[in-house]
Amino acid sequence: MREVPLAASGHPDRIRWNARYGDDSAVSFHAHPLAAQALSSALPDGPVLDLACGPSGAVLAAAAAGRQVTAVDISDVALGLLDREARRRRLRDLIALVHADLGEWRPEPERYALVLCTGYWDRAIFGPAAAAVAPGGLLGWEAFTAEARRVRPTLPAAWCLGPGEPAALLPPDFTVLDQHQQADSGRGAKRRLLARREDRRRAE
């Protein structure tokens, strides 16, 4: 596991998510539906990036498809669970685990065939995440909307998508393939996006 120093070992998000994943009996390694949709779409060659991945089934699915995958999360417990499952499936050599705070960590531009984030929202990371998508690649995102605060009033507004987001924040070289509101499961409304970055090289 590659360590990117956190601002403090007592980071509240690290503590909160480590506590959540401390009981690994509740962990599922099923790939998120958005990940499954993206991985079954036409993708260029190249690696996959999963942001705020948790014990991600998407990471495992991408590795099983032969992709190199970078999995980033603030919870070392979640990454430990993912490490164990990847070893059990003999996929560990394809996966780079990065223990980092997404408030500080940034991906390399135009590197990834697919960038995923299915449980986190911060406008400050969305731009760099979009920039990390390679030409012809996909960006997949799902997060709570502001409407979720009606049933979860303690959910910080900064963690919620505003009207039209995240598609409204995409750079102009992206085409939205799908953006729709997810049915509220009782935990709060979410919105899902799948977008493709234009490959200008093909247009030349």
C-alpha atoms as a PDB file:
ATOM      1  CA  MET A   1       0.000   0.000   0.000  1.00  0.00           C
ATOM      2  CA  ARG A   2       1.339   3.408  -0.973  1.00  0.00           C
ATOM      3  CA  GLU A   3       0.997   5.943   1.829  1.00  0.00           C
ATOM      4  CA  VAL A   4       0.345   9.598   1.070  1.00  0.00           C
ATOM      5  CA  PRO A   5       0.785  11.425   4.401  1.00  0.00           C
ATOM      6  CA  LEU A   6      -2.496  12.615   5.857  1.00  0.00           C
ATOM      7  CA  ALA A   7      -2.660  16.003   7.510  1.00  0.00           C
ATOM      8  CA  ALA A   8      -3.091  14.160  10.791  1.00  0.00           C
ATOM      9  CA  SER A   9      -3.532  10.550  11.790  1.00  0.00           C
ATOM     10  CA  GLY A  10      -6.655  11.659  13.647  1.00  0.00           C
ATOM     11  CA  HIS A  11      -8.367  12.928  10.478  1.00  0.00           C
ATOM     12  CA  PRO A  12     -12.121  12.718  11.246  1.00  0.00           C
ATOM     13  CA  ASP A  13     -12.957  11.050   7.930  1.00  0.00           C
ATOM     14  CA  ARG A  14     -10.333   8.377   8.518  1.00  0.00           C
ATOM     15  CA  ILE A  15     -11.708   7.691  11.987  1.00  0.00           C
ATOM     16  CA  ARG A  16     -15.332   7.618  10.782  1.00  0.00           C
ATOM     17  CA  TRP A  17     -14.752   5.297   7.846  1.00  0.00           C
ATOM     18  CA  ASN A  18     -12.376   3.018   9.739  1.00  0.00           C
ATOM     19  CA  ALA A  19     -15.109   2.566  12.333  1.00  0.00           C
ATOM     20  CA  ARG A  20     -17.657   1.799   9.637  1.00  0.00           C
ATOM     21  CA  TYR A  21     -15.485  -0.839   7.994  1.00  0.00           C
ATOM     22  CA  GLY A  22     -14.284  -2.295  11.276  1.00  0.00           C
ATOM     23  CA  ASP A  23     -16.997  -4.950  11.079  1.00  0.00           C
ATOM     24  CA  ASP A  24     -16.042  -6.645   7.834  1.00  0.00           C
ATOM     25  CA  SER A  25     -19.104  -8.936   8.005  1.00  0.00           C
ATOM     26  CA  ALA A  26     -21.119  -6.101   6.397  1.00  0.00           C
ATOM     27  CA  VAL A  27     -18.691  -5.623   3.494  1.00  0.00           C
ATOM     28  CA  SER A  28     -19.812  -6.536  -0.010  1.00  0.00           C
ATOM     29  CA  PHE A  29     -17.476  -6.762  -2.972  1.00  0.00           C
ATOM     30  CA  HIS A  30     -20.207  -6.452  -5.603  1.00  0.00           C
ATOM     31  CA  ALA A  31     -19.253  -3.946  -8.296  1.00  0.00           C
ATOM     32  CA  HIS A  32     -21.315  -0.764  -8.239  1.00  0.00           C
ATOM     33  CA  PRO A  33     -23.848  -0.709 -11.146  1.00  0.00           C
ATOM     34  CA  LEU A  34     -22.193   2.416 -12.552  1.00  0.00           C
ATOM     35  CA  ALA A  35     -18.836   0.641 -12.564  1.00  0.00           C
ATOM     36  CA  ALA A  36     -20.354  -2.355 -14.309  1.00  0.00           C
ATOM     37  CA  GLN A  37     -21.928  -0.052 -16.918  1.00  0.00           C
ATOM     38  CA  ALA A  38     -18.665   1.787 -17.517  1.00  0.00           C
ATOM     39  CA  LEU A  39     -16.524  -1.337 -17.720  1.00  0.00           C
ATOM     40  CA  SER A  40     -18.886  -2.870 -20.284  1.00  0.00           C
ATOM     41  CA  SER A  41     -18.650   0.262 -22.463  1.00  0.00           C
ATOM     42  CA  ALA A  42     -16.024   0.942 -25.110  1.00  0.00           C
ATOM     43  CA  LEU A  43     -12.892   2.048 -23.275  1.00  0.00           C
ATOM     44  CA  PRO A  44      -9.444   2.959 -24.573  1.00  0.00           C
ATOM     45  CA  ASP A  45      -6.416   1.087 -23.348  1.00  0.00           C
ATOM     46  CA  GLY A  46      -5.164   2.224 -19.977  1.00  0.00           C
ATOM     47  CA  PRO A  47      -5.642   1.966 -16.229  1.00  0.00           C
ATOM     48  CA  VAL A  48      -8.653   2.647 -14.026  1.00  0.00           C
ATOM     49  CA  LEU A  49      -8.882   5.020 -11.059  1.00  0.00           C
ATOM     50  CA  ASP A  50     -11.413   4.541  -8.237  1.00  0.00           C
ATOM     51  CA  LEU A  51     -11.685   7.522  -5.871  1.00  0.00           C
ATOM     52  CA  ALA A  52     -12.943   7.100  -2.287  1.00  0.00           C
ATOM     53  CA  CYS A  53     -13.110   3.453  -3.250  1.00  0.00           C
ATOM     54  CA  GLY A  54     -13.791   1.744   0.082  1.00  0.00           C
ATOM     55  CA  PRO A  55     -13.642  -2.059  -0.156  1.00  0.00           C
ATOM     56  CA  SER A  56     -14.493  -1.721  -3.836  1.00  0.00           C
ATOM     57  CA  GLY A  57     -15.976  -4.387  -6.038  1.00  0.00           C
ATOM     58  CA  ALA A  58     -15.338  -2.034  -8.954  1.00  0.00           C
ATOM     59  CA  VAL A  59     -11.598  -2.227  -8.362  1.00  0.00           C
ATOM     60  CA  LEU A  60     -11.759  -6.014  -8.365  1.00  0.00           C
ATOM     61  CA  ALA A  61     -13.944  -6.116 -11.492  1.00  0.00           C
ATOM     62  CA  ALA A  62     -11.586  -3.820 -13.399  1.00  0.00           C
ATOM     63  CA  ALA A  63      -8.572  -5.882 -12.341  1.00  0.00           C
ATOM     64  CA  ALA A  64     -10.354  -9.090 -13.319  1.00  0.00           C
ATOM     65  CA  ALA A  65     -10.814  -7.545 -16.772  1.00  0.00           C
ATOM     66  CA  GLY A  66      -7.026  -7.138 -16.956  1.00  0.00           C
ATOM     67  CA  ARG A  67      -6.824  -3.432 -16.131  1.00  0.00           C
ATOM     68  CA  GLN A  68      -4.258  -1.868 -13.872  1.00  0.00           C
ATOM     69  CA  VAL A  69      -6.230  -0.104 -11.124  1.00  0.00           C
ATOM     70  CA  THR A  70      -5.409   2.655  -8.641  1.00  0.00           C
ATOM     71  CA  ALA A  71      -7.671   2.597  -5.582  1.00  0.00           C
ATOM     72  CA  VAL A  72      -7.622   5.675  -3.342  1.00  0.00           C
ATOM     73  CA  ASP A  73      -9.251   5.981   0.067  1.00  0.00           C
ATOM     74  CA  ILE A  74      -8.721   7.712   3.402  1.00  0.00           C
ATOM     75  CA  SER A  75      -9.646   4.540   5.294  1.00  0.00           C
ATOM     76  CA  ASP A  76      -6.715   2.194   5.758  1.00  0.00           C
ATOM     77  CA  VAL A  77      -9.168  -0.378   7.123  1.00  0.00           C
ATOM     78  CA  ALA A  78     -11.120  -0.322   3.836  1.00  0.00           C
ATOM     79  CA  LEU A  79      -7.917  -0.633   1.830  1.00  0.00           C
ATOM     80  CA  GLY A  80      -6.827  -3.527   4.029  1.00  0.00           C
ATOM     81  CA  LEU A  81     -10.089  -5.360   3.289  1.00  0.00           C
ATOM     82  CA  LEU A  82      -9.636  -4.706  -0.411  1.00  0.00           C
ATOM     83  CA  ASP A  83      -6.034  -5.901  -0.239  1.00  0.00           C
ATOM     84  CA  ARG A  84      -7.089  -9.148   1.394  1.00  0.00           C
ATOM     85  CA  GLU A  85      -9.847  -9.849  -1.135  1.00  0.00           C
ATOM     86  CA  ALA A  86      -7.599  -8.954  -4.072  1.00  0.00           C
ATOM     87  CA  ARG A  87      -4.997 -11.423  -2.824  1.00  0.00           C
ATOM     88  CA  ARG A  88      -7.670 -14.098  -2.417  1.00  0.00           C
ATOM     89  CA  ARG A  89      -8.704 -13.563  -6.036  1.00  0.00           C
ATOM     90  CA  ARG A  90      -5.071 -13.400  -7.207  1.00  0.00           C
ATOM     91  CA  LEU A  91      -5.544  -9.875  -8.553  1.00  0.00           C
ATOM     92  CA  ARG A  92      -3.269  -7.989  -6.181  1.00  0.00           C
ATOM     93  CA  ASP A  93      -0.487  -7.421  -8.726  1.00  0.00           C
ATOM     94  CA  LEU A  94      -2.879  -5.318 -10.838  1.00  0.00           C
ATOM     95  CA  ILE A  95      -3.973  -3.032  -7.991  1.00  0.00           C
ATOM     96  CA  ALA A  96      -2.185  -0.036  -6.462  1.00  0.00           C
ATOM     97  CA  LEU A  97      -3.658   0.917  -3.085  1.00  0.00           C
ATOM     98  CA  VAL A  98      -3.227   4.576  -2.137  1.00  0.00           C
ATOM     99  CA  HIS A  99      -4.012   5.686   1.416  1.00  0.00           C
ATOM    100  CA  ALA A 100      -4.716   9.392   1.004  1.00  0.00           C
ATOM    101  CA  ASP A 101      -7.013  12.311   1.762  1.00  0.00           C
ATOM    102  CA  LEU A 102      -8.755  13.423  -1.434  1.00  0.00           C
ATOM    103  CA  GLY A 103      -8.643  16.936  -0.064  1.00  0.00           C
ATOM    104  CA  GLU A 104      -4.896  16.800  -0.796  1.00  0.00           C
ATOM    105  CA  TRP A 105      -4.225  13.990  -3.302  1.00  0.00           C
ATOM    106  CA  ARG A 106      -4.470  14.664  -7.044  1.00  0.00           C
ATOM    107  CA  PRO A 107      -4.317  12.239  -9.995  1.00  0.00           C
ATOM    108  CA  GLU A 108      -2.065  12.555 -13.012  1.00  0.00           C
ATOM    109  CA  PRO A 109      -3.787  14.310 -15.962  1.00  0.00           C
ATOM    110  CA  GLU A 110      -5.037  12.297 -18.969  1.00  0.00           C
ATOM    111  CA  ARG A 111      -3.809   9.008 -17.559  1.00  0.00           C
ATOM    112  CA  TYR A 112      -6.896   6.852 -16.916  1.00  0.00           C
ATOM    113  CA  ALA A 113      -9.258   5.097 -19.312  1.00  0.00           C
ATOM    114  CA  LEU A 114     -11.894   5.243 -16.583  1.00  0.00           C
ATOM    115  CA  VAL A 115     -12.202   7.408 -13.484  1.00  0.00           C
ATOM    116  CA  LEU A 116     -14.867   6.346 -10.977  1.00  0.00           C
ATOM    117  CA  CYS A 117     -16.274   7.832  -7.807  1.00  0.00           C
ATOM    118  CA  THR A 118     -19.478   6.352  -6.424  1.00  0.00           C
ATOM    119  CA  GLY A 119     -19.782   7.559  -2.844  1.00  0.00           C
ATOM    120  CA  TYR A 120     -18.128  10.932  -2.401  1.00  0.00           C
ATOM    121  CA  TRP A 121     -18.574  14.517  -3.504  1.00  0.00           C
ATOM    122  CA  ASP A 122     -16.201  17.465  -3.307  1.00  0.00           C
ATOM    123  CA  ARG A 123     -16.194  20.087  -6.054  1.00  0.00           C
ATOM    124  CA  ALA A 124     -12.471  20.614  -5.497  1.00  0.00           C
ATOM    125  CA  ILE A 125     -11.630  17.072  -6.641  1.00  0.00           C
ATOM    126  CA  PHE A 126     -14.127  16.872  -9.525  1.00  0.00           C
ATOM    127  CA  GLY A 127     -12.066  19.064 -11.866  1.00  0.00           C
ATOM    128  CA  PRO A 128      -8.806  17.157 -11.332  1.00  0.00           C
ATOM    129  CA  ALA A 129     -10.715  13.869 -11.654  1.00  0.00           C
ATOM    130  CA  ALA A 130     -12.147  14.920 -15.012  1.00  0.00           C
ATOM    131  CA  ALA A 131      -8.696  16.086 -16.118  1.00  0.00           C
ATOM    132  CA  ALA A 132      -7.319  12.634 -15.240  1.00  0.00           C
ATOM    133  CA  VAL A 133      -9.511  10.950 -17.882  1.00  0.00           C
ATOM    134  CA  ALA A 134      -7.577   9.979 -21.001  1.00  0.00           C
ATOM    135  CA  PRO A 135      -8.891  11.026 -24.427  1.00  0.00           C
ATOM    136  CA  GLY A 136     -11.772   8.718 -25.302  1.00  0.00           C
ATOM    137  CA  GLY A 137     -12.082   7.593 -21.686  1.00  0.00           C
ATOM    138  CA  LEU A 138     -15.012   7.677 -19.279  1.00  0.00           C
ATOM    139  CA  LEU A 139     -15.842   9.515 -16.077  1.00  0.00           C
ATOM    140  CA  GLY A 140     -18.414   7.889 -13.800  1.00  0.00           C
ATOM    141  CA  TRP A 141     -19.768   9.605 -10.685  1.00  0.00           C
ATOM    142  CA  GLU A 142     -22.559   9.114  -8.181  1.00  0.00           C
ATOM    143  CA  ALA A 143     -23.243  11.219  -5.096  1.00  0.00           C
ATOM    144  CA  PHE A 144     -26.016  12.519  -2.876  1.00  0.00           C
ATOM    145  CA  THR A 145     -28.020  15.493  -4.094  1.00  0.00           C
ATOM    146  CA  ALA A 146     -29.132  18.433  -1.988  1.00  0.00           C
ATOM    147  CA  GLU A 147     -32.571  16.770  -1.752  1.00  0.00           C
ATOM    148  CA  ALA A 148     -30.959  14.035   0.363  1.00  0.00           C
ATOM    149  CA  ARG A 149     -30.717  16.504   3.240  1.00  0.00           C
ATOM    150  CA  ARG A 150     -34.495  16.328   3.651  1.00  0.00           C
ATOM    151  CA  VAL A 151     -34.136  12.819   5.049  1.00  0.00           C
ATOM    152  CA  ARG A 152     -30.552  13.268   6.286  1.00  0.00           C
ATOM    153  CA  PRO A 153     -30.430  16.780   7.763  1.00  0.00           C
ATOM    154  CA  THR A 154     -26.980  16.221   9.277  1.00  0.00           C
ATOM    155  CA  LEU A 155     -25.498  15.599   5.816  1.00  0.00           C
ATOM    156  CA  PRO A 156     -23.239  18.598   5.080  1.00  0.00           C
ATOM    157  CA  ALA A 157     -24.385  20.672   2.111  1.00  0.00           C
ATOM    158  CA  ALA A 158     -20.829  20.596   0.719  1.00  0.00           C
ATOM    159  CA  TRP A 159     -21.131  16.813   0.333  1.00  0.00           C
ATOM    160  CA  CYS A 160     -24.197  17.143  -1.911  1.00  0.00           C
ATOM    161  CA  LEU A 161     -24.591  17.808  -5.619  1.00  0.00           C
ATOM    162  CA  GLY A 162     -26.268  21.047  -6.609  1.00  0.00           C
ATOM    163  CA  PRO A 163     -28.806  21.428  -9.464  1.00  0.00           C
ATOM    164  CA  GLY A 164     -27.428  20.010 -12.698  1.00  0.00           C
ATOM    165  CA  GLU A 165     -24.240  18.767 -11.071  1.00  0.00           C
ATOM    166  CA  PRO A 166     -21.947  17.061 -11.752  1.00  0.00           C
ATOM    167  CA  ALA A 167     -22.613  17.349 -15.518  1.00  0.00           C
ATOM    168  CA  ALA A 168     -22.801  21.151 -15.262  1.00  0.00           C
ATOM    169  CA  LEU A 169     -19.175  21.177 -14.063  1.00  0.00           C
ATOM    170  CA  LEU A 170     -17.726  19.089 -16.872  1.00  0.00           C
ATOM    171  CA  PRO A 171     -15.071  20.612 -19.143  1.00  0.00           C
ATOM    172  CA  PRO A 172     -16.299  21.305 -22.706  1.00  0.00           C
ATOM    173  CA  ASP A 173     -14.500  18.302 -24.191  1.00  0.00           C
ATOM    174  CA  PHE A 174     -16.827  15.873 -22.379  1.00  0.00           C
ATOM    175  CA  THR A 175     -20.089  14.451 -23.711  1.00  0.00           C
ATOM    176  CA  VAL A 176     -22.711  13.329 -21.209  1.00  0.00           C
ATOM    177  CA  LEU A 177     -23.795   9.769 -21.979  1.00  0.00           C
ATOM    178  CA  ASP A 178     -26.178   9.536 -19.049  1.00  0.00           C
ATOM    179  CA  GLN A 179     -27.135  11.619 -16.047  1.00  0.00           C
ATOM    180  CA  HIS A 180     -30.174  10.734 -14.005  1.00  0.00           C
ATOM    181  CA  GLN A 181     -31.597  10.799 -10.517  1.00  0.00           C
ATOM    182  CA  GLN A 182     -31.501   7.509  -8.678  1.00  0.00           C
ATOM    183  CA  ALA A 183     -34.596   6.238  -6.906  1.00  0.00           C
ATOM    184  CA  ASP A 184     -34.392   7.170  -3.237  1.00  0.00           C
ATOM    185  CA  SER A 185     -33.669   4.016  -1.241  1.00  0.00           C
ATOM    186  CA  GLY A 186     -34.549   5.771   2.018  1.00  0.00           C
ATOM    187  CA  ARG A 187     -30.983   6.965   2.613  1.00  0.00           C
ATOM    188  CA  GLY A 188     -31.318  10.074   0.470  1.00  0.00           C
ATOM    189  CA  ALA A 189     -31.542  11.008  -3.192  1.00  0.00           C
ATOM    190  CA  LYS A 190     -28.518  10.451  -5.461  1.00  0.00           C
ATOM    191  CA  ARG A 191     -27.573  11.453  -8.999  1.00  0.00           C
ATOM    192  CA  ARG A 192     -25.487   9.384 -11.391  1.00  0.00           C
ATOM    193  CA  LEU A 193     -23.299  10.568 -14.278  1.00  0.00           C
ATOM    194  CA  LEU A 194     -21.449   8.801 -17.059  1.00  0.00           C
ATOM    195  CA  ALA A 195     -19.531  10.998 -19.522  1.00  0.00           C
ATOM    196  CA  ARG A 196     -16.944  10.462 -22.231  1.00  0.00           C
ATOM    197  CA  ARG A 197     -13.964  12.690 -22.973  1.00  0.00           C
ATOM    198  CA  GLU A 198     -13.548  13.598 -26.609  1.00  0.00           C
ATOM    199  CA  ASP A 199     -10.605  11.991 -28.357  1.00  0.00           C
ATOM    200  CA  ARG A 200      -9.350  14.812 -30.540  1.00  0.00           C
ATOM    201  CA  ARG A 201      -6.711  12.526 -32.036  1.00  0.00           C
ATOM    202  CA  ARG A 202      -9.435  10.588 -33.868  1.00  0.00           C
ATOM    203  CA  ALA A 203     -10.918  13.803 -35.209  1.00  0.00           C
ATOM    204  CA  GLU A 204      -7.630  14.825 -36.829  1.00  0.00           C
END
